[in-house]
Protein backbone atom coordinates (compact mmCIF):
# COMPACT_ATOMS: atom_id res chain seq x y z
CA MET A 1 0.00 0.00 0.00
CA SER A 2 1.08 3.57 -0.65
CA LYS A 3 2.55 5.53 2.23
CA LYS A 4 0.64 8.59 3.33
CA ALA A 5 2.39 11.89 4.19
CA LEU A 6 1.08 15.08 5.76
CA ILE A 7 2.98 18.30 4.94
CA THR A 8 2.55 21.56 6.81
CA GLY A 9 3.69 24.51 4.73
CA ILE A 10 2.99 22.67 1.48
CA THR A 11 2.48 25.94 -0.43
CA GLY A 12 6.01 27.15 0.39
CA GLN A 13 9.19 26.52 -1.56
CA ASP A 14 10.19 23.37 0.34
CA GLY A 15 6.64 22.09 0.70
CA SER A 16 5.98 22.22 -3.02
CA TYR A 17 9.21 20.40 -3.91
CA LEU A 18 8.64 17.84 -1.16
CA ALA A 19 5.10 17.16 -2.41
CA GLU A 20 6.45 16.51 -5.91
CA PHE A 21 9.21 14.28 -4.57
CA LEU A 22 6.86 12.18 -2.45
CA LEU A 23 4.31 11.86 -5.26
CA SER A 24 7.11 10.67 -7.55
CA ARG A 25 7.80 7.90 -5.03
CA GLY A 26 4.20 6.73 -4.92
CA TYR A 27 3.04 8.49 -1.75
CA LYS A 28 -0.40 9.89 -1.13
CA VAL A 29 0.16 13.46 0.01
CA HIS A 30 -2.00 15.61 2.27
CA GLY A 31 -1.09 19.27 2.60
CA VAL A 32 -2.07 21.89 5.16
CA ILE A 33 -2.92 25.35 3.83
CA ARG A 34 -4.03 28.53 5.56
CA ARG A 35 -7.51 29.88 4.93
CA SER A 36 -7.31 33.07 2.89
CA SER A 37 -9.65 35.22 0.83
CA SER A 38 -7.26 34.80 -2.10
CA PHE A 39 -5.55 31.73 -3.54
CA ASN A 40 -1.98 31.18 -2.34
CA THR A 41 -1.33 27.81 -3.94
CA GLU A 42 0.57 28.85 -7.06
CA ARG A 43 3.60 26.68 -6.24
CA ILE A 44 1.47 23.53 -6.22
CA ASP A 45 -1.25 24.41 -8.75
CA HIS A 46 0.38 22.11 -11.30
CA LEU A 47 -0.14 19.21 -8.87
CA TYR A 48 -3.83 19.90 -8.28
CA GLU A 49 -6.26 17.02 -8.65
CA ASP A 50 -10.04 17.18 -8.56
CA PRO A 51 -10.90 15.95 -5.04
CA HIS A 52 -14.03 14.29 -6.45
CA ALA A 53 -12.02 12.05 -8.78
CA GLU A 54 -11.08 8.48 -7.93
CA HIS A 55 -7.59 7.66 -6.68
CA VAL A 56 -6.68 11.24 -5.82
CA ARG A 57 -3.09 11.35 -4.56
CA LEU A 58 -2.92 14.98 -3.40
CA ARG A 59 -5.45 16.43 -0.98
CA LEU A 60 -5.38 19.85 0.69
CA HIS A 61 -6.82 20.70 4.09
CA TYR A 62 -7.32 24.04 5.79
CA GLY A 63 -5.34 24.23 8.99
CA ASP A 64 -3.92 26.63 11.57
CA LEU A 65 -0.73 25.93 13.50
CA THR A 66 -1.94 28.23 16.29
CA SER A 67 -4.87 25.89 17.04
CA PHE A 68 -4.17 22.65 18.93
CA GLU A 69 -7.73 21.39 18.45
CA GLN A 70 -7.58 21.79 14.68
CA THR A 71 -4.09 20.31 14.48
CA ALA A 72 -5.03 17.26 16.54
CA TYR A 73 -8.23 16.71 14.54
CA LEU A 74 -6.35 16.88 11.24
CA ILE A 75 -3.73 14.35 12.32
CA GLN A 76 -6.41 12.01 13.67
CA ASN A 77 -8.49 12.34 10.50
CA VAL A 78 -5.65 11.94 7.97
CA SER A 79 -3.72 9.34 10.02
CA PRO A 80 -0.50 9.72 8.00
CA ASP A 81 2.56 7.48 8.10
CA GLU A 82 4.85 10.51 8.05
CA ILE A 83 4.47 14.18 8.99
CA TYR A 84 6.81 16.76 7.47
CA HIS A 85 6.50 19.94 9.52
CA LEU A 86 7.67 22.82 7.31
CA GLY A 87 5.05 25.44 8.21
CA ALA A 88 6.35 28.56 9.97
CA GLN A 89 6.66 32.31 9.98
CA SER A 90 9.95 31.85 8.19
CA HIS A 91 11.27 35.33 7.43
CA VAL A 92 14.09 36.22 9.83
CA ARG A 93 13.90 40.00 9.43
CA VAL A 94 10.11 40.01 9.79
CA SER A 95 10.41 38.03 13.04
CA PHE A 96 11.87 41.14 14.74
CA ASP A 97 8.70 43.03 13.85
CA MET A 98 6.37 40.14 14.78
CA PRO A 99 8.13 38.29 17.62
CA GLU A 100 5.01 37.05 19.43
CA TYR A 101 3.36 35.74 16.25
CA THR A 102 6.64 34.09 15.22
CA GLY A 103 6.79 32.32 18.56
CA GLN A 104 3.16 31.20 18.33
CA VAL A 105 3.51 29.73 14.83
CA THR A 106 7.16 28.74 14.50
CA GLY A 107 7.77 27.61 18.08
CA LEU A 108 4.48 26.53 19.63
CA GLY A 109 3.14 25.23 16.32
CA THR A 110 5.74 22.44 16.52
CA THR A 111 4.70 21.62 20.09
CA ARG A 112 1.03 21.36 19.11
CA ILE A 113 1.84 18.73 16.48
CA LEU A 114 4.05 16.76 18.87
CA GLU A 115 1.40 16.80 21.58
CA ALA A 116 -1.23 15.68 19.06
CA LEU A 117 1.06 12.79 18.14
CA ARG A 118 1.51 11.88 21.79
CA ILE A 119 -2.18 11.65 22.55
CA SER A 120 -2.97 9.88 19.27
CA ARG A 121 -0.78 6.90 20.31
CA LYS A 122 -0.18 6.19 16.61
CA ARG A 123 3.25 5.26 15.25
CA ILE A 124 3.65 8.29 13.00
CA LYS A 125 7.09 9.52 11.98
CA PHE A 126 7.71 13.24 12.48
CA TYR A 127 10.17 15.53 10.70
CA ASN A 128 10.79 19.03 12.09
CA ALA A 129 12.35 21.68 9.86
CA ALA A 130 14.98 23.28 12.08
CA SER A 131 17.30 26.04 10.86
CA SER A 132 20.97 26.99 10.67
CA GLU A 133 19.90 30.35 12.14
CA MET A 134 19.82 28.57 15.51
CA PHE A 135 23.63 28.58 15.51
CA GLY A 136 23.69 32.38 15.43
CA MET A 137 27.10 33.58 16.59
CA SER A 138 28.65 30.13 17.12
CA PRO A 139 31.73 29.90 14.89
CA GLY A 140 31.59 27.71 11.80
CA PRO A 141 31.72 25.20 10.33
CA GLN A 142 28.62 24.19 12.30
CA ASN A 143 27.66 20.56 12.85
CA GLU A 144 25.29 18.69 15.14
CA GLU A 145 27.61 19.16 18.16
CA VAL A 146 28.13 22.94 17.89
CA PRO A 147 26.30 24.96 20.61
CA PHE A 148 23.34 27.08 19.55
CA CYS A 149 23.31 30.85 19.99
CA PRO A 150 20.15 32.27 18.35
CA ARG A 151 20.18 35.92 17.26
CA SER A 152 16.58 36.54 16.19
CA PRO A 153 13.03 35.76 17.33
CA TYR A 154 12.82 33.37 14.39
CA ALA A 155 15.95 31.48 15.48
CA ALA A 156 14.77 31.38 19.10
CA ALA A 157 11.39 29.98 18.02
CA LYS A 158 13.07 27.38 15.82
CA LEU A 159 15.33 26.40 18.71
CA TYR A 160 12.30 25.91 20.97
CA GLY A 161 10.74 23.62 18.36
CA TYR A 162 14.06 21.78 17.98
CA TRP A 163 14.35 20.97 21.69
CA MET A 164 10.66 20.05 21.99
CA THR A 165 11.21 17.57 19.16
CA VAL A 166 14.15 16.04 21.04
CA ASN A 167 12.19 15.96 24.31
CA TYR A 168 9.13 14.26 22.83
CA ARG A 169 11.38 11.68 21.17
CA GLN A 170 13.17 10.90 24.41
CA GLY A 171 10.14 11.15 26.69
CA TYR A 172 7.44 9.44 24.63
CA ASP A 173 9.33 7.22 22.19
CA ILE A 174 8.10 9.18 19.16
CA PHE A 175 10.04 8.89 15.91
CA ALA A 176 10.91 12.60 15.75
CA CYS A 177 13.89 14.04 13.89
CA ASN A 178 15.32 17.50 13.23
CA GLY A 179 16.73 18.61 9.89
CA ILE A 180 19.05 21.57 10.54
CA MET A 181 18.83 23.13 7.11
CA PHE A 182 21.30 25.73 5.92
CA ASN A 183 20.16 28.25 3.30
CA HIS A 184 18.57 26.54 0.32
CA GLU A 185 17.15 28.47 -2.60
CA SER A 186 15.40 27.99 -5.94
CA PRO A 187 13.19 29.83 -8.44
CA ARG A 188 10.33 29.14 -6.01
CA ARG A 189 11.95 31.04 -3.16
CA GLY A 190 9.75 33.80 -1.72
CA GLU A 191 10.29 37.16 -3.37
CA THR A 192 11.27 38.95 -0.14
CA PHE A 193 14.16 36.58 0.66
CA VAL A 194 17.51 38.05 -0.29
CA SER A 195 18.50 35.45 -2.90
CA ARG A 196 15.27 35.80 -4.87
CA LYS A 197 15.18 39.54 -4.32
CA ILE A 198 18.54 39.72 -6.07
CA THR A 199 17.70 37.49 -9.04
CA ARG A 200 14.32 39.16 -9.62
CA ALA A 201 15.99 42.57 -9.57
CA VAL A 202 18.60 41.42 -12.10
CA ALA A 203 15.82 40.37 -14.48
CA ALA A 204 13.81 43.55 -13.89
CA ILE A 205 16.86 45.77 -14.45
CA LYS A 206 17.75 43.87 -17.61
CA ALA A 207 14.17 44.37 -18.81
CA GLY A 208 14.32 48.11 -18.10
CA LYS A 209 11.62 47.92 -15.43
CA GLN A 210 13.86 48.71 -12.45
CA GLU A 211 16.98 50.76 -11.87
CA LYS A 212 18.12 50.10 -8.29
CA LEU A 213 18.31 47.18 -5.88
CA TYR A 214 18.32 48.04 -2.17
CA LEU A 215 19.92 45.58 0.24
CA GLY A 216 21.18 45.40 3.82
CA ASN A 217 24.30 43.61 5.08
CA LEU A 218 26.36 42.56 2.07
CA GLN A 219 29.08 40.93 4.18
CA ALA A 220 26.92 38.25 5.83
CA ARG A 221 28.26 34.84 4.82
CA ARG A 222 25.91 31.95 4.11
CA ASP A 223 26.02 28.35 2.89
CA TRP A 224 23.65 28.33 -0.10
CA GLY A 225 22.31 25.15 -1.70
CA TYR A 226 19.57 24.07 -4.11
CA ALA A 227 16.19 23.40 -2.46
CA PRO A 228 15.08 20.27 -4.41
CA GLU A 229 18.16 18.44 -3.16
CA TYR A 230 17.38 19.41 0.43
CA VAL A 231 13.86 18.00 0.48
CA GLU A 232 15.27 14.64 -0.57
CA ALA A 233 17.51 14.79 2.50
CA MET A 234 14.38 15.30 4.63
CA TRP A 235 12.86 12.13 3.21
CA ARG A 236 16.07 10.17 3.75
CA MET A 237 16.04 11.09 7.45
CA MET A 238 12.54 9.65 7.75
CA GLN A 239 13.56 6.32 6.20
CA LYS A 240 16.15 5.58 8.90
CA ASP A 241 15.44 3.00 11.59
CA ARG A 242 16.27 5.50 14.33
CA PRO A 243 15.53 9.25 14.39
CA GLY A 244 18.12 11.92 15.06
CA GLU A 245 19.48 15.33 14.10
CA TYR A 246 21.17 16.11 10.79
CA VAL A 247 22.90 19.22 9.47
CA ILE A 248 22.21 19.71 5.76
CA GLY A 249 24.37 22.08 3.70
CA THR A 250 27.07 22.31 1.04
CA GLY A 251 30.06 23.11 3.25
CA HIS A 252 30.88 26.22 1.18
CA ASP A 253 30.11 29.79 2.23
CA HIS A 254 29.76 33.02 0.26
CA THR A 255 28.85 36.60 1.12
CA VAL A 256 25.67 38.29 -0.01
CA GLU A 257 27.93 40.55 -2.08
CA GLU A 258 29.31 37.51 -3.90
CA PHE A 259 25.76 36.41 -4.69
CA VAL A 260 24.97 39.87 -6.04
CA ARG A 261 28.15 40.02 -8.11
CA ALA A 262 27.59 36.56 -9.62
CA ALA A 263 23.97 37.32 -10.56
CA PHE A 264 24.71 40.65 -12.23
CA LYS A 265 27.84 39.38 -13.98
CA TYR A 266 25.92 36.45 -15.43
CA VAL A 267 23.77 38.83 -17.49
CA GLY A 268 26.56 41.28 -18.30
CA LEU A 269 25.81 43.98 -15.70
CA LYS A 270 27.98 45.65 -13.08
CA TYR A 271 26.30 45.44 -9.72
CA GLU A 272 28.05 48.55 -8.40
CA THR A 273 25.91 50.64 -10.75
CA HIS A 274 22.62 49.34 -9.43
CA VAL A 275 23.00 48.21 -5.80
CA GLU A 276 22.55 50.55 -2.84
CA ILE A 277 22.47 49.92 0.90
CA ASP A 278 19.31 50.62 2.90
CA PRO A 279 19.79 50.51 6.70
CA ARG A 280 16.18 49.34 7.11
CA TYR A 281 17.22 45.91 5.88
CA PHE A 282 19.80 45.37 8.62
CA ARG A 283 18.74 43.14 11.50
CA PRO A 284 18.96 44.46 15.08
CA THR A 285 21.27 41.50 15.81
CA GLU A 286 23.16 40.06 12.85
CA VAL A 287 24.37 36.55 12.11
CA GLU A 288 27.64 36.98 10.26
CA HIS A 289 28.79 33.50 9.28
CA LEU A 290 26.97 30.21 8.70
CA VAL A 291 28.61 27.25 6.94
CA ALA A 292 27.64 23.60 7.31
CA ASP A 293 29.68 20.61 8.35
CA ALA A 294 27.38 17.95 6.89
CA ARG A 295 29.63 14.92 7.26
CA LYS A 296 27.00 13.04 9.29
CA ALA A 297 24.43 13.44 6.49
CA ARG A 298 26.92 12.33 3.86
CA GLU A 299 27.77 9.19 5.78
CA ALA A 300 24.43 8.25 7.39
CA LEU A 301 22.03 9.43 4.66
CA ASP A 302 24.29 9.01 1.61
CA TRP A 303 23.40 12.59 0.74
CA THR A 304 25.72 14.90 -1.21
CA PRO A 305 24.55 18.05 -3.04
CA LYS A 306 25.21 18.34 -6.78
CA ILE A 307 24.52 22.03 -7.44
CA SER A 308 27.29 24.54 -6.69
CA PHE A 309 26.85 28.15 -5.60
CA GLN A 310 27.59 29.59 -9.05
CA GLU A 311 25.23 27.08 -10.67
CA LEU A 312 22.45 27.94 -8.22
CA VAL A 313 22.71 31.63 -9.09
CA LYS A 314 22.46 30.87 -12.81
CA ILE A 315 19.44 28.58 -12.34
CA MET A 316 17.59 31.30 -10.42
CA VAL A 317 18.51 34.13 -12.80
CA ASP A 318 17.44 32.08 -15.83
CA ALA A 319 14.04 31.43 -14.25
CA ASP A 320 13.45 35.07 -13.29
CA MET A 321 14.50 36.30 -16.73
CA ARG A 322 11.96 33.98 -18.35
CA ALA A 323 9.33 35.25 -15.91
CA ALA A 324 10.19 38.81 -16.99
CA GLY A 325 9.67 37.91 -20.66
CA LEU A 326 13.39 37.79 -21.52
CA ASN A 327 15.56 35.13 -23.09
CA PRO A 328 17.97 33.94 -20.36
CA PRO A 329 21.63 33.07 -21.02
CA GLY A 330 20.60 29.46 -20.53
CA ASP A 331 23.50 28.09 -18.48
CA GLY A 332 21.15 27.31 -15.59
CA ASP A 333 18.83 25.28 -17.80
CA ARG A 334 21.79 23.38 -19.25
CA ILE A 335 23.12 22.60 -15.76
CA LEU A 336 19.78 21.19 -14.64
CA HIS A 337 19.50 19.07 -17.78
CA GLU A 338 23.00 17.66 -17.32
CA LYS A 339 22.86 17.00 -13.58
CA PHE A 340 19.20 15.99 -13.33
CA PRO A 341 18.25 14.45 -16.71
CA GLU A 342 15.14 12.88 -15.17
CA ARG A 343 13.89 15.53 -12.79
CA TRP A 344 11.09 14.59 -10.43
CA TRP A 345 10.09 18.24 -10.08
CA ASN A 346 8.38 19.56 -13.18
CA LYS A 347 7.36 23.17 -12.78
CA ASP A 348 10.69 25.01 -13.00
């Protein structure tokens, strides 16, 4: 029989790729979406199936991570084999403006799912999307043994969810694991995140629709990878006999300025002409350097990323240029074709 998975945050970047990946492996997928007066499902619209049809493999449910009653009812009703908890208020800079809401959704939302699993008494595997932001000011490379030092409400909320996951595993014998994901991007990344903000601006400037790109800290260093590869790592964690914690990243770090330079250079532009600093985009407390030591994932999960930093930038710029009605240079498309000749994701 097909396995059944429940994904919170299915309409986000990771949720949409994970849904495609699981469907490609024969799963039946249930996704949790927030009730809204407008549709917010564009990342998964290509997966939509008429719920009245026979043998539907993707079903969507309205849900709210701030409601324990609704969360518990959904888990009881769906009765999945695996839960992938990706839903969150996930924007770090916004978390400074909305700290209480971030804690309610990103921190306590995890606890509500774990408590619902405890009282259900069902053997359901649970994956929690943790974050490299939890390391904060701890020096890199960061692995599973490096102490956490969160520097934002988002990171603090993620750390709370991380430790609750560990505690419920140890206290109630729940299969509960944490994926400590370093930055992972794609053409589906939200438009307010710095990577996508850069590549969209490059396309808009090339199209003559925009002149300037305003950014904050250009010297922050991050470990950037390609999102479709990271959701496969999530699945691999859930197929292990024993749950645990895994750092997922490339092991290579680059500054935001390097990302900007690579994106503009790829289309023949000089970033110095178009980029300006806006102090509003600086965080009250900055995280300067995150880079993964993912040796445990390589050895235990047999997981190694294929896409390099430069290749990631080209993939994203190509996609945003097409979205702007331009012909992209095409290197990103060629890279995807060569490294993933039989892609399981089919929208990008």
